[in-house]
Amino acid sequence: METFLLVLATLFPVVNPPGAALIFLSMTQNASVKERRSLARRVALNAFFVMIGSLLMGAFILNIYGISVPILRLAGGLIVAAAGWKLLNEGPQNRADVEHADTRYVSQAFYPLTMPLTTGPGTIAVMISLGLSRSGYSVYSIDLRFIVASLLAALVIALTIYVCFAYSHRVERLLGRGGTDIVVRLSAFILFCIGIQIIWSGASDLIGSITHPVNLTN
């Protein structure tokens, strides 16, 4: 239970399903309620596998390619910040033009709706960090209780994503088009700030590794 609550509390503010739901709504304004719920189901399922895959295989894949966690955070932060900046500068008229386009939302279920907008590089970095910080956790030594608790936490996050995304249209009914646009802009700004924060975290770790190198002689 302690591990479950730890993973859940760590993931929720990073994934932020309610905030991501507003961005999801802005990107699917021309979809019907049925299409939006079907898409929300796909995004939630993709997000679950991204979280679990990052936890179980993330460190192993990074070791294969020689990529460090700070570099992952830095690159991921750039992607998230770019997505937030693009959405922040996308005017209402541009989004209205999308309503008349024949958009295939299924092709957008993984990119960009799952990655990087819902469970992007920030979430991946968090899951990898959780796995690496677990005492005794490695590719060859797996704490079964930790894995089960993390699976349950990821499942709860995925269910929350589905509920928030599938019923995001109620926000538009409540706030109206103008109010929804304001909230979407605020959410886009928050997404941009999250990207900058991830960049800063990665850059701080890189700077720290230069100014305080590990003494291998000890």
N, C-alpha and C. Protein backbone atom coordinates (compact mmCIF):
# COMPACT_ATOMS: atom_id res chain seq x y z
N MET A 1 0.82 -1.20 0.00
CA MET A 1 0.00 0.00 0.00
C MET A 1 0.86 1.26 0.00
N GLU A 2 1.97 1.22 0.74
CA GLU A 2 2.86 2.38 0.79
C GLU A 2 3.46 2.65 -0.58
N THR A 3 3.91 1.59 -1.27
CA THR A 3 4.48 1.75 -2.60
C THR A 3 3.42 2.21 -3.59
N PHE A 4 2.22 1.66 -3.48
CA PHE A 4 1.11 2.05 -4.35
C PHE A 4 0.82 3.54 -4.22
N LEU A 5 0.72 4.03 -2.99
CA LEU A 5 0.44 5.44 -2.77
C LEU A 5 1.60 6.32 -3.24
N LEU A 6 2.83 5.83 -3.06
CA LEU A 6 4.00 6.59 -3.51
C LEU A 6 3.99 6.77 -5.02
N VAL A 7 3.79 5.67 -5.74
CA VAL A 7 3.78 5.75 -7.21
C VAL A 7 2.61 6.58 -7.69
N LEU A 8 1.44 6.40 -7.07
CA LEU A 8 0.25 7.15 -7.47
C LEU A 8 0.45 8.65 -7.24
N ALA A 9 0.98 9.01 -6.07
CA ALA A 9 1.20 10.41 -5.75
C ALA A 9 2.28 11.04 -6.63
N THR A 10 3.22 10.23 -7.08
CA THR A 10 4.28 10.74 -7.94
C THR A 10 3.80 10.93 -9.37
N LEU A 11 2.97 10.00 -9.83
CA LEU A 11 2.52 10.04 -11.22
C LEU A 11 1.43 11.07 -11.48
N PHE A 12 0.50 11.19 -10.54
CA PHE A 12 -0.70 11.99 -10.80
C PHE A 12 -0.39 13.44 -11.19
N PRO A 13 0.46 14.16 -10.44
CA PRO A 13 0.71 15.55 -10.85
C PRO A 13 1.50 15.66 -12.15
N VAL A 14 2.26 14.62 -12.50
CA VAL A 14 3.02 14.67 -13.76
C VAL A 14 2.09 14.42 -14.94
N VAL A 15 1.25 13.37 -14.83
CA VAL A 15 0.30 13.07 -15.91
C VAL A 15 -0.81 14.11 -15.94
N ASN A 16 -1.33 14.47 -14.76
CA ASN A 16 -2.36 15.50 -14.60
C ASN A 16 -3.55 15.26 -15.55
N PRO A 17 -4.30 14.17 -15.34
CA PRO A 17 -5.43 13.86 -16.24
C PRO A 17 -6.44 14.99 -16.39
N PRO A 18 -6.86 15.70 -15.31
CA PRO A 18 -7.83 16.78 -15.53
C PRO A 18 -7.29 17.89 -16.43
N GLY A 19 -6.03 18.28 -16.23
CA GLY A 19 -5.46 19.31 -17.07
C GLY A 19 -5.25 18.85 -18.50
N ALA A 20 -4.80 17.59 -18.66
CA ALA A 20 -4.61 17.04 -20.00
C ALA A 20 -5.94 16.89 -20.73
N ALA A 21 -7.02 16.69 -19.97
CA ALA A 21 -8.35 16.54 -20.59
C ALA A 21 -8.76 17.80 -21.33
N LEU A 22 -8.39 18.95 -20.82
CA LEU A 22 -8.72 20.21 -21.49
C LEU A 22 -7.98 20.34 -22.81
N ILE A 23 -6.73 19.90 -22.82
CA ILE A 23 -5.96 19.92 -24.07
C ILE A 23 -6.54 18.89 -25.04
N PHE A 24 -6.91 17.73 -24.50
CA PHE A 24 -7.55 16.70 -25.32
C PHE A 24 -8.83 17.24 -25.95
N LEU A 25 -9.61 17.97 -25.17
CA LEU A 25 -10.85 18.55 -25.68
C LEU A 25 -10.57 19.54 -26.80
N SER A 26 -9.55 20.35 -26.64
CA SER A 26 -9.24 21.36 -27.66
C SER A 26 -8.77 20.74 -28.97
N MET A 27 -8.18 19.55 -28.87
CA MET A 27 -7.66 18.89 -30.07
C MET A 27 -8.68 17.97 -30.72
N THR A 28 -9.84 17.79 -30.07
CA THR A 28 -10.88 16.90 -30.62
C THR A 28 -12.23 17.60 -30.64
N GLN A 29 -12.24 18.87 -30.92
CA GLN A 29 -13.49 19.64 -30.86
C GLN A 29 -14.49 19.21 -31.92
N ASN A 30 -14.01 18.67 -33.04
CA ASN A 30 -14.93 18.26 -34.09
C ASN A 30 -15.33 16.80 -34.01
N ALA A 31 -14.99 16.14 -32.92
CA ALA A 31 -15.34 14.74 -32.73
C ALA A 31 -16.66 14.63 -31.98
N SER A 32 -17.40 13.57 -32.26
CA SER A 32 -18.63 13.31 -31.53
C SER A 32 -18.31 12.75 -30.16
N VAL A 33 -19.32 12.68 -29.31
CA VAL A 33 -19.12 12.14 -27.97
C VAL A 33 -18.67 10.68 -28.05
N LYS A 34 -19.26 9.92 -28.95
CA LYS A 34 -18.89 8.51 -29.11
C LYS A 34 -17.45 8.37 -29.58
N GLU A 35 -17.06 9.18 -30.56
CA GLU A 35 -15.68 9.15 -31.05
C GLU A 35 -14.69 9.56 -29.97
N ARG A 36 -15.07 10.56 -29.18
CA ARG A 36 -14.18 11.03 -28.14
C ARG A 36 -13.98 9.97 -27.06
N ARG A 37 -15.04 9.25 -26.72
CA ARG A 37 -14.91 8.19 -25.71
C ARG A 37 -14.08 7.03 -26.22
N SER A 38 -14.26 6.69 -27.49
CA SER A 38 -13.45 5.63 -28.08
C SER A 38 -11.98 6.03 -28.11
N LEU A 39 -11.72 7.27 -28.46
CA LEU A 39 -10.35 7.77 -28.48
C LEU A 39 -9.77 7.83 -27.08
N ALA A 40 -10.60 8.22 -26.09
CA ALA A 40 -10.14 8.27 -24.70
C ALA A 40 -9.74 6.88 -24.22
N ARG A 41 -10.48 5.87 -24.66
CA ARG A 41 -10.15 4.49 -24.28
C ARG A 41 -8.79 4.08 -24.84
N ARG A 42 -8.54 4.45 -26.09
CA ARG A 42 -7.26 4.13 -26.71
C ARG A 42 -6.10 4.85 -26.03
N VAL A 43 -6.31 6.13 -25.73
CA VAL A 43 -5.25 6.90 -25.08
C VAL A 43 -4.95 6.35 -23.69
N ALA A 44 -5.99 5.99 -22.93
CA ALA A 44 -5.79 5.44 -21.60
C ALA A 44 -5.03 4.12 -21.66
N LEU A 45 -5.36 3.28 -22.63
CA LEU A 45 -4.67 2.00 -22.78
C LEU A 45 -3.22 2.21 -23.18
N ASN A 46 -3.00 3.12 -24.13
CA ASN A 46 -1.62 3.44 -24.53
C ASN A 46 -0.82 3.98 -23.36
N ALA A 47 -1.44 4.86 -22.58
CA ALA A 47 -0.75 5.46 -21.45
C ALA A 47 -0.35 4.40 -20.43
N PHE A 48 -1.24 3.43 -20.21
CA PHE A 48 -0.93 2.36 -19.25
C PHE A 48 0.31 1.59 -19.70
N PHE A 49 0.37 1.23 -20.96
CA PHE A 49 1.51 0.46 -21.46
C PHE A 49 2.79 1.30 -21.49
N VAL A 50 2.65 2.60 -21.74
CA VAL A 50 3.83 3.47 -21.71
C VAL A 50 4.40 3.53 -20.30
N MET A 51 3.54 3.68 -19.30
CA MET A 51 4.00 3.75 -17.92
C MET A 51 4.65 2.45 -17.47
N ILE A 52 3.99 1.32 -17.76
CA ILE A 52 4.54 0.04 -17.33
C ILE A 52 5.80 -0.32 -18.11
N GLY A 53 5.79 -0.04 -19.42
CA GLY A 53 6.98 -0.31 -20.22
C GLY A 53 8.18 0.50 -19.76
N SER A 54 7.93 1.76 -19.39
CA SER A 54 9.01 2.60 -18.90
C SER A 54 9.55 2.08 -17.58
N LEU A 55 8.67 1.58 -16.73
CA LEU A 55 9.09 1.07 -15.43
C LEU A 55 9.92 -0.20 -15.58
N LEU A 56 9.47 -1.12 -16.43
CA LEU A 56 10.11 -2.43 -16.54
C LEU A 56 11.32 -2.44 -17.46
N MET A 57 11.22 -1.72 -18.58
CA MET A 57 12.25 -1.81 -19.60
C MET A 57 12.97 -0.50 -19.87
N GLY A 58 12.52 0.59 -19.25
CA GLY A 58 13.10 1.90 -19.54
C GLY A 58 14.58 1.97 -19.26
N ALA A 59 14.98 1.54 -18.06
CA ALA A 59 16.40 1.61 -17.69
C ALA A 59 17.25 0.72 -18.60
N PHE A 60 16.72 -0.44 -18.95
CA PHE A 60 17.44 -1.37 -19.82
C PHE A 60 17.66 -0.76 -21.20
N ILE A 61 16.61 -0.12 -21.75
CA ILE A 61 16.73 0.50 -23.07
C ILE A 61 17.71 1.67 -23.04
N LEU A 62 17.65 2.47 -21.98
CA LEU A 62 18.58 3.60 -21.86
C LEU A 62 20.02 3.11 -21.78
N ASN A 63 20.24 2.00 -21.08
CA ASN A 63 21.60 1.45 -21.00
C ASN A 63 22.09 0.96 -22.35
N ILE A 64 21.20 0.40 -23.15
CA ILE A 64 21.60 -0.09 -24.47
C ILE A 64 22.10 1.06 -25.35
N TYR A 65 21.37 2.17 -25.32
CA TYR A 65 21.73 3.31 -26.17
C TYR A 65 22.64 4.31 -25.46
N GLY A 66 22.96 4.06 -24.22
CA GLY A 66 23.86 4.96 -23.50
C GLY A 66 23.26 6.31 -23.20
N ILE A 67 21.95 6.34 -22.95
CA ILE A 67 21.25 7.60 -22.66
C ILE A 67 21.03 7.70 -21.16
N SER A 68 21.37 8.84 -20.59
CA SER A 68 21.17 9.05 -19.17
C SER A 68 19.79 9.64 -18.90
N VAL A 69 19.33 9.50 -17.66
CA VAL A 69 18.03 10.04 -17.28
C VAL A 69 17.98 11.57 -17.42
N PRO A 70 19.05 12.31 -17.02
CA PRO A 70 19.01 13.77 -17.24
C PRO A 70 18.85 14.16 -18.70
N ILE A 71 19.49 13.41 -19.61
CA ILE A 71 19.33 13.70 -21.03
C ILE A 71 17.91 13.42 -21.47
N LEU A 72 17.32 12.33 -20.96
CA LEU A 72 15.93 12.01 -21.28
C LEU A 72 15.01 13.13 -20.82
N ARG A 73 15.24 13.63 -19.60
CA ARG A 73 14.42 14.71 -19.09
C ARG A 73 14.59 15.98 -19.92
N LEU A 74 15.82 16.27 -20.31
CA LEU A 74 16.09 17.48 -21.08
C LEU A 74 15.39 17.41 -22.45
N ALA A 75 15.54 16.27 -23.14
CA ALA A 75 14.90 16.11 -24.45
C ALA A 75 13.38 16.09 -24.31
N GLY A 76 12.90 15.37 -23.28
CA GLY A 76 11.45 15.31 -23.07
C GLY A 76 10.86 16.67 -22.73
N GLY A 77 11.58 17.44 -21.94
CA GLY A 77 11.11 18.77 -21.59
C GLY A 77 10.99 19.67 -22.80
N LEU A 78 11.93 19.54 -23.72
CA LEU A 78 11.87 20.33 -24.96
C LEU A 78 10.63 19.99 -25.77
N ILE A 79 10.31 18.68 -25.84
CA ILE A 79 9.13 18.26 -26.61
C ILE A 79 7.85 18.77 -25.95
N VAL A 80 7.76 18.62 -24.62
CA VAL A 80 6.56 19.06 -23.91
C VAL A 80 6.39 20.57 -24.01
N ALA A 81 7.50 21.31 -23.83
CA ALA A 81 7.43 22.76 -23.93
C ALA A 81 7.03 23.20 -25.33
N ALA A 82 7.55 22.52 -26.36
CA ALA A 82 7.19 22.86 -27.73
C ALA A 82 5.71 22.61 -27.99
N ALA A 83 5.18 21.49 -27.44
CA ALA A 83 3.76 21.20 -27.62
C ALA A 83 2.90 22.26 -26.93
N GLY A 84 3.30 22.65 -25.73
CA GLY A 84 2.56 23.68 -25.01
C GLY A 84 2.62 25.02 -25.71
N TRP A 85 3.79 25.38 -26.23
CA TRP A 85 3.93 26.65 -26.95
C TRP A 85 3.09 26.68 -28.22
N LYS A 86 3.06 25.55 -28.94
CA LYS A 86 2.27 25.48 -30.16
C LYS A 86 0.79 25.64 -29.87
N LEU A 87 0.32 24.94 -28.84
CA LEU A 87 -1.10 25.04 -28.49
C LEU A 87 -1.44 26.41 -27.93
N LEU A 88 -0.49 27.02 -27.22
CA LEU A 88 -0.72 28.34 -26.64
C LEU A 88 -0.89 29.40 -27.71
N ASN A 89 -0.17 29.25 -28.82
CA ASN A 89 -0.22 30.24 -29.89
C ASN A 89 -1.20 29.88 -30.99
N GLU A 90 -1.95 28.80 -30.80
CA GLU A 90 -2.94 28.40 -31.79
C GLU A 90 -4.24 29.12 -31.48
N GLY A 91 -4.65 30.02 -32.35
CA GLY A 91 -5.83 30.84 -32.11
C GLY A 91 -7.12 30.08 -32.28
N PRO A 92 -8.20 30.61 -31.77
CA PRO A 92 -9.51 29.98 -31.91
C PRO A 92 -9.92 29.76 -33.36
N GLN A 93 -9.54 30.68 -34.26
CA GLN A 93 -9.93 30.53 -35.65
C GLN A 93 -9.23 29.34 -36.29
N ASN A 94 -7.95 29.10 -35.88
CA ASN A 94 -7.25 27.94 -36.41
C ASN A 94 -7.91 26.65 -35.97
N ARG A 95 -8.34 26.58 -34.71
CA ARG A 95 -9.00 25.38 -34.23
C ARG A 95 -10.37 25.23 -34.88
N ALA A 96 -11.02 26.35 -35.19
CA ALA A 96 -12.31 26.26 -35.86
C ALA A 96 -12.15 25.70 -37.26
N ASP A 97 -11.03 26.00 -37.91
CA ASP A 97 -10.80 25.46 -39.24
C ASP A 97 -10.66 23.95 -39.19
N VAL A 98 -10.13 23.43 -38.07
CA VAL A 98 -9.95 22.00 -37.95
C VAL A 98 -11.29 21.29 -37.91
N GLU A 99 -12.33 21.98 -37.44
CA GLU A 99 -13.63 21.36 -37.30
C GLU A 99 -14.20 20.93 -38.66
N HIS A 100 -13.72 21.55 -39.73
CA HIS A 100 -14.24 21.23 -41.05
C HIS A 100 -13.34 20.23 -41.78
N ALA A 101 -12.29 19.79 -41.12
CA ALA A 101 -11.36 18.84 -41.74
C ALA A 101 -11.77 17.42 -41.39
N ASP A 102 -11.46 16.50 -42.33
CA ASP A 102 -11.76 15.09 -42.10
C ASP A 102 -10.58 14.47 -41.39
N THR A 103 -10.52 14.66 -40.08
CA THR A 103 -9.39 14.21 -39.29
C THR A 103 -9.63 12.80 -38.79
N ARG A 104 -8.64 11.96 -38.94
CA ARG A 104 -8.72 10.61 -38.43
C ARG A 104 -8.08 10.58 -37.06
N TYR A 105 -8.91 10.62 -36.05
CA TYR A 105 -8.40 10.70 -34.69
C TYR A 105 -7.70 9.44 -34.24
N VAL A 106 -8.05 8.32 -34.86
CA VAL A 106 -7.41 7.07 -34.46
C VAL A 106 -5.91 7.15 -34.66
N SER A 107 -5.48 7.78 -35.74
CA SER A 107 -4.05 7.91 -36.02
C SER A 107 -3.35 8.84 -35.04
N GLN A 108 -4.12 9.64 -34.29
CA GLN A 108 -3.54 10.55 -33.31
C GLN A 108 -3.59 9.99 -31.89
N ALA A 109 -4.08 8.78 -31.75
CA ALA A 109 -4.27 8.23 -30.41
C ALA A 109 -2.95 8.10 -29.66
N PHE A 110 -1.91 7.64 -30.36
CA PHE A 110 -0.62 7.51 -29.68
C PHE A 110 0.18 8.81 -29.74
N TYR A 111 0.33 9.33 -30.95
CA TYR A 111 1.03 10.62 -31.10
C TYR A 111 0.11 11.59 -31.82
N PRO A 112 -0.18 12.74 -31.25
CA PRO A 112 0.45 13.31 -30.06
C PRO A 112 -0.37 13.16 -28.77
N LEU A 113 -1.54 12.49 -28.82
CA LEU A 113 -2.43 12.52 -27.65
C LEU A 113 -1.87 11.73 -26.47
N THR A 114 -1.26 10.57 -26.74
CA THR A 114 -0.64 9.83 -25.64
C THR A 114 0.74 10.38 -25.34
N MET A 115 1.56 10.47 -26.36
CA MET A 115 2.88 11.06 -26.25
C MET A 115 2.98 12.22 -27.24
N PRO A 116 3.35 13.40 -26.79
CA PRO A 116 3.84 13.71 -25.45
C PRO A 116 2.81 14.37 -24.53
N LEU A 117 1.54 14.49 -24.96
CA LEU A 117 0.60 15.32 -24.21
C LEU A 117 0.10 14.68 -22.92
N THR A 118 -0.02 13.35 -22.88
CA THR A 118 -0.57 12.70 -21.68
C THR A 118 0.53 12.03 -20.86
N THR A 119 1.14 11.02 -21.41
CA THR A 119 2.25 10.34 -20.74
C THR A 119 3.49 10.52 -21.60
N GLY A 120 4.06 11.69 -21.52
CA GLY A 120 5.21 12.02 -22.34
C GLY A 120 6.52 11.69 -21.67
N PRO A 121 7.59 12.33 -22.13
CA PRO A 121 8.92 12.07 -21.59
C PRO A 121 9.03 12.33 -20.09
N GLY A 122 8.25 13.29 -19.59
CA GLY A 122 8.28 13.53 -18.15
C GLY A 122 7.82 12.32 -17.37
N THR A 123 6.71 11.71 -17.81
CA THR A 123 6.21 10.51 -17.16
C THR A 123 7.20 9.36 -17.30
N ILE A 124 7.79 9.21 -18.48
CA ILE A 124 8.77 8.15 -18.70
C ILE A 124 9.95 8.31 -17.76
N ALA A 125 10.44 9.55 -17.64
CA ALA A 125 11.58 9.80 -16.75
C ALA A 125 11.23 9.49 -15.31
N VAL A 126 10.00 9.83 -14.90
CA VAL A 126 9.57 9.54 -13.53
C VAL A 126 9.51 8.04 -13.29
N MET A 127 8.95 7.28 -14.22
CA MET A 127 8.84 5.84 -14.05
C MET A 127 10.21 5.17 -14.02
N ILE A 128 11.11 5.63 -14.88
CA ILE A 128 12.47 5.08 -14.88
C ILE A 128 13.17 5.40 -13.57
N SER A 129 12.99 6.63 -13.10
CA SER A 129 13.61 7.03 -11.84
C SER A 129 13.07 6.20 -10.67
N LEU A 130 11.76 5.93 -10.68
CA LEU A 130 11.18 5.10 -9.63
C LEU A 130 11.78 3.70 -9.65
N GLY A 131 11.95 3.15 -10.85
CA GLY A 131 12.54 1.82 -10.95
C GLY A 131 13.99 1.80 -10.50
N LEU A 132 14.76 2.81 -10.90
CA LEU A 132 16.17 2.86 -10.53
C LEU A 132 16.38 3.14 -9.05
N SER A 133 15.48 3.91 -8.46
CA SER A 133 15.63 4.28 -7.05
C SER A 133 15.17 3.17 -6.11
N ARG A 134 14.49 2.15 -6.65
CA ARG A 134 14.02 1.06 -5.82
C ARG A 134 15.20 0.20 -5.40
N SER A 135 15.36 -0.03 -4.13
CA SER A 135 16.48 -0.80 -3.61
C SER A 135 16.44 -2.22 -4.17
N GLY A 136 17.52 -2.60 -4.79
CA GLY A 136 17.61 -3.95 -5.33
C GLY A 136 16.97 -4.11 -6.68
N TYR A 137 16.43 -3.03 -7.23
CA TYR A 137 15.76 -3.15 -8.53
C TYR A 137 16.78 -3.11 -9.65
N SER A 138 16.70 -4.07 -10.53
CA SER A 138 17.53 -4.12 -11.72
C SER A 138 16.84 -4.97 -12.75
N VAL A 139 17.48 -5.12 -13.90
CA VAL A 139 16.87 -5.92 -14.95
C VAL A 139 16.78 -7.38 -14.52
N TYR A 140 17.73 -7.81 -13.68
CA TYR A 140 17.80 -9.22 -13.30
C TYR A 140 17.21 -9.48 -11.93
N SER A 141 16.92 -8.44 -11.18
CA SER A 141 16.36 -8.60 -9.85
C SER A 141 15.15 -7.68 -9.70
N ILE A 142 13.96 -8.28 -9.67
CA ILE A 142 12.73 -7.52 -9.66
C ILE A 142 11.98 -7.76 -8.37
N ASP A 143 11.61 -6.68 -7.70
CA ASP A 143 10.80 -6.76 -6.50
C ASP A 143 9.35 -6.94 -6.94
N LEU A 144 8.81 -8.13 -6.73
CA LEU A 144 7.48 -8.45 -7.23
C LEU A 144 6.41 -7.56 -6.60
N ARG A 145 6.53 -7.29 -5.31
CA ARG A 145 5.54 -6.43 -4.65
C ARG A 145 5.58 -5.02 -5.20
N PHE A 146 6.77 -4.55 -5.50
CA PHE A 146 6.91 -3.22 -6.09
C PHE A 146 6.25 -3.17 -7.47
N ILE A 147 6.46 -4.23 -8.26
CA ILE A 147 5.87 -4.28 -9.60
C ILE A 147 4.35 -4.31 -9.52
N VAL A 148 3.79 -5.13 -8.64
CA VAL A 148 2.34 -5.24 -8.50
C VAL A 148 1.74 -3.91 -8.05
N ALA A 149 2.38 -3.28 -7.06
CA ALA A 149 1.88 -1.98 -6.58
C ALA A 149 1.95 -0.93 -7.68
N SER A 150 3.02 -0.95 -8.48
CA SER A 150 3.16 0.02 -9.56
C SER A 150 2.14 -0.24 -10.66
N LEU A 151 1.85 -1.52 -10.94
CA LEU A 151 0.83 -1.86 -11.92
C LEU A 151 -0.53 -1.32 -11.50
N LEU A 152 -0.86 -1.47 -10.23
CA LEU A 152 -2.14 -0.98 -9.73
C LEU A 152 -2.21 0.54 -9.81
N ALA A 153 -1.11 1.21 -9.45
CA ALA A 153 -1.09 2.67 -9.52
C ALA A 153 -1.23 3.15 -10.96
N ALA A 154 -0.52 2.50 -11.88
CA ALA A 154 -0.63 2.87 -13.29
C ALA A 154 -2.04 2.62 -13.82
N LEU A 155 -2.67 1.54 -13.34
CA LEU A 155 -4.05 1.25 -13.76
C LEU A 155 -5.01 2.32 -13.29
N VAL A 156 -4.83 2.78 -12.06
CA VAL A 156 -5.69 3.85 -11.53
C VAL A 156 -5.49 5.14 -12.34
N ILE A 157 -4.25 5.45 -12.68
CA ILE A 157 -3.98 6.64 -13.49
C ILE A 157 -4.63 6.50 -14.87
N ALA A 158 -4.54 5.31 -15.47
CA ALA A 158 -5.13 5.08 -16.78
C ALA A 158 -6.65 5.22 -16.73
N LEU A 159 -7.28 4.69 -15.69
CA LEU A 159 -8.74 4.83 -15.55
C LEU A 159 -9.13 6.29 -15.36
N THR A 160 -8.32 7.03 -14.61
CA THR A 160 -8.58 8.45 -14.41
C THR A 160 -8.47 9.21 -15.72
N ILE A 161 -7.47 8.84 -16.53
CA ILE A 161 -7.31 9.46 -17.85
C ILE A 161 -8.56 9.23 -18.70
N TYR A 162 -9.05 7.99 -18.69
CA TYR A 162 -10.23 7.67 -19.50
C TYR A 162 -11.45 8.49 -19.06
N VAL A 163 -11.69 8.54 -17.75
CA VAL A 163 -12.86 9.26 -17.24
C VAL A 163 -12.75 10.76 -17.58
N CYS A 164 -11.58 11.34 -17.35
CA CYS A 164 -11.41 12.77 -17.61
C CYS A 164 -11.54 13.09 -19.09
N PHE A 165 -10.98 12.23 -19.94
CA PHE A 165 -11.00 12.48 -21.38
C PHE A 165 -12.39 12.21 -21.97
N ALA A 166 -12.99 11.09 -21.55
CA ALA A 166 -14.28 10.70 -22.13
C ALA A 166 -15.38 11.69 -21.81
N TYR A 167 -15.29 12.36 -20.67
CA TYR A 167 -16.34 13.31 -20.26
C TYR A 167 -15.85 14.75 -20.30
N SER A 168 -14.79 14.99 -21.08
CA SER A 168 -14.26 16.35 -21.17
C SER A 168 -15.23 17.30 -21.86
N HIS A 169 -16.15 16.75 -22.68
CA HIS A 169 -17.10 17.62 -23.38
C HIS A 169 -18.03 18.36 -22.41
N ARG A 170 -18.19 17.83 -21.20
CA ARG A 170 -19.05 18.49 -20.22
C ARG A 170 -18.45 19.81 -19.76
N VAL A 171 -17.13 19.91 -19.84
CA VAL A 171 -16.48 21.18 -19.49
C VAL A 171 -16.88 22.25 -20.48
N GLU A 172 -16.93 21.88 -21.77
CA GLU A 172 -17.31 22.84 -22.80
C GLU A 172 -18.76 23.26 -22.62
N ARG A 173 -19.64 22.33 -22.26
CA ARG A 173 -21.04 22.67 -22.03
C ARG A 173 -21.19 23.62 -20.85
N LEU A 174 -20.35 23.41 -19.85
CA LEU A 174 -20.44 24.22 -18.63
C LEU A 174 -19.89 25.63 -18.85
N LEU A 175 -18.73 25.71 -19.53
CA LEU A 175 -18.04 26.99 -19.68
C LEU A 175 -18.42 27.73 -20.96
N GLY A 176 -18.91 26.99 -21.96
CA GLY A 176 -19.16 27.62 -23.24
C GLY A 176 -17.89 27.66 -24.07
N ARG A 177 -18.02 28.05 -25.34
CA ARG A 177 -16.85 28.08 -26.22
C ARG A 177 -15.80 29.08 -25.76
N GLY A 178 -16.24 30.27 -25.37
CA GLY A 178 -15.27 31.28 -24.93
C GLY A 178 -14.56 30.88 -23.66
N GLY A 179 -15.32 30.38 -22.67
CA GLY A 179 -14.70 29.96 -21.42
C GLY A 179 -13.78 28.78 -21.61
N THR A 180 -14.16 27.85 -22.49
CA THR A 180 -13.32 26.70 -22.77
C THR A 180 -12.01 27.12 -23.41
N ASP A 181 -12.10 28.11 -24.31
CA ASP A 181 -10.88 28.59 -24.96
C ASP A 181 -9.92 29.21 -23.95
N ILE A 182 -10.46 29.93 -22.98
CA ILE A 182 -9.62 30.53 -21.95
C ILE A 182 -8.94 29.45 -21.11
N VAL A 183 -9.72 28.45 -20.71
CA VAL A 183 -9.17 27.37 -19.89
C VAL A 183 -8.12 26.58 -20.67
N VAL A 184 -8.37 26.36 -21.96
CA VAL A 184 -7.41 25.64 -22.79
C VAL A 184 -6.10 26.42 -22.89
N ARG A 185 -6.21 27.75 -23.04
CA ARG A 185 -5.00 28.58 -23.10
C ARG A 185 -4.21 28.48 -21.80
N LEU A 186 -4.93 28.52 -20.68
CA LEU A 186 -4.26 28.40 -19.39
C LEU A 186 -3.59 27.03 -19.25
N SER A 187 -4.28 25.99 -19.70
CA SER A 187 -3.72 24.64 -19.64
C SER A 187 -2.48 24.52 -20.54
N ALA A 188 -2.54 25.18 -21.71
CA ALA A 188 -1.39 25.16 -22.60
C ALA A 188 -0.19 25.87 -21.96
N PHE A 189 -0.46 26.97 -21.26
CA PHE A 189 0.62 27.68 -20.58
C PHE A 189 1.21 26.81 -19.46
N ILE A 190 0.35 26.11 -18.74
CA ILE A 190 0.84 25.21 -17.69
C ILE A 190 1.66 24.09 -18.31
N LEU A 191 1.21 23.55 -19.45
CA LEU A 191 1.97 22.51 -20.14
C LEU A 191 3.34 23.03 -20.56
N PHE A 192 3.39 24.27 -21.03
CA PHE A 192 4.67 24.88 -21.39
C PHE A 192 5.57 25.01 -20.17
N CYS A 193 4.99 25.42 -19.03
CA CYS A 193 5.77 25.56 -17.80
C CYS A 193 6.28 24.20 -17.31
N ILE A 194 5.45 23.16 -17.47
CA ILE A 194 5.89 21.81 -17.09
C ILE A 194 7.09 21.40 -17.92
N GLY A 195 7.04 21.70 -19.21
CA GLY A 195 8.18 21.39 -20.08
C GLY A 195 9.44 22.11 -19.64
N ILE A 196 9.30 23.40 -19.29
CA ILE A 196 10.46 24.16 -18.81
C ILE A 196 11.00 23.58 -17.50
N GLN A 197 10.08 23.14 -16.63
CA GLN A 197 10.50 22.54 -15.37
C GLN A 197 11.27 21.24 -15.60
N ILE A 198 10.80 20.43 -16.55
CA ILE A 198 11.50 19.18 -16.87
C ILE A 198 12.88 19.49 -17.45
N ILE A 199 12.94 20.51 -18.31
CA ILE A 199 14.23 20.92 -18.87
C ILE A 199 15.18 21.35 -17.77
N TRP A 200 14.66 22.14 -16.83
CA TRP A 200 15.49 22.63 -15.73
C TRP A 200 15.99 21.47 -14.86
N SER A 201 15.13 20.50 -14.62
CA SER A 201 15.54 19.35 -13.81
C SER A 201 16.66 18.57 -14.49
N GLY A 202 16.50 18.34 -15.80
CA GLY A 202 17.55 17.64 -16.53
C GLY A 202 18.84 18.44 -16.60
N ALA A 203 18.72 19.75 -16.85
CA ALA A 203 19.91 20.59 -16.94
C ALA A 203 20.62 20.69 -15.59
N SER A 204 19.84 20.76 -14.51
CA SER A 204 20.44 20.83 -13.17
C SER A 204 21.24 19.57 -12.87
N ASP A 205 20.69 18.41 -13.24
CA ASP A 205 21.41 17.15 -13.02
C ASP A 205 22.69 17.10 -13.85
N LEU A 206 22.62 17.59 -15.09
CA LEU A 206 23.81 17.59 -15.94
C LEU A 206 24.88 18.54 -15.39
N ILE A 207 24.45 19.73 -14.97
CA ILE A 207 25.40 20.69 -14.40
C ILE A 207 26.01 20.15 -13.12
N GLY A 208 25.16 19.49 -12.30
CA GLY A 208 25.66 18.90 -11.07
C GLY A 208 26.68 17.82 -11.32
N SER A 209 26.49 17.02 -12.38
CA SER A 209 27.46 15.96 -12.69
C SER A 209 28.80 16.53 -13.16
N ILE A 210 28.78 17.79 -13.68
CA ILE A 210 30.02 18.42 -14.12
C ILE A 210 30.73 19.11 -12.96
N THR A 211 29.97 19.84 -12.15
CA THR A 211 30.57 20.59 -11.04
C THR A 211 30.91 19.69 -9.86
N HIS A 212 30.19 18.58 -9.71
CA HIS A 212 30.45 17.65 -8.61
C HIS A 212 30.59 16.24 -9.18
N PRO A 213 31.66 15.97 -9.91
CA PRO A 213 31.83 14.64 -10.51
C PRO A 213 32.02 13.57 -9.45
N VAL A 214 31.59 12.38 -9.78
CA VAL A 214 31.72 11.27 -8.84
C VAL A 214 33.17 10.86 -8.74
N ASN A 215 33.65 10.71 -7.52
CA ASN A 215 35.02 10.29 -7.27
C ASN A 215 35.09 8.77 -7.32
N LEU A 216 35.64 8.23 -8.39
CA LEU A 216 35.67 6.79 -8.59
C LEU A 216 36.74 6.11 -7.77
N THR A 217 37.63 6.88 -7.14
CA THR A 217 38.70 6.28 -6.35
C THR A 217 38.25 5.89 -4.98
N ASN A 218 37.07 6.42 -4.52
CA ASN A 218 36.59 6.12 -3.18
C ASN A 218 35.83 4.79 -3.19
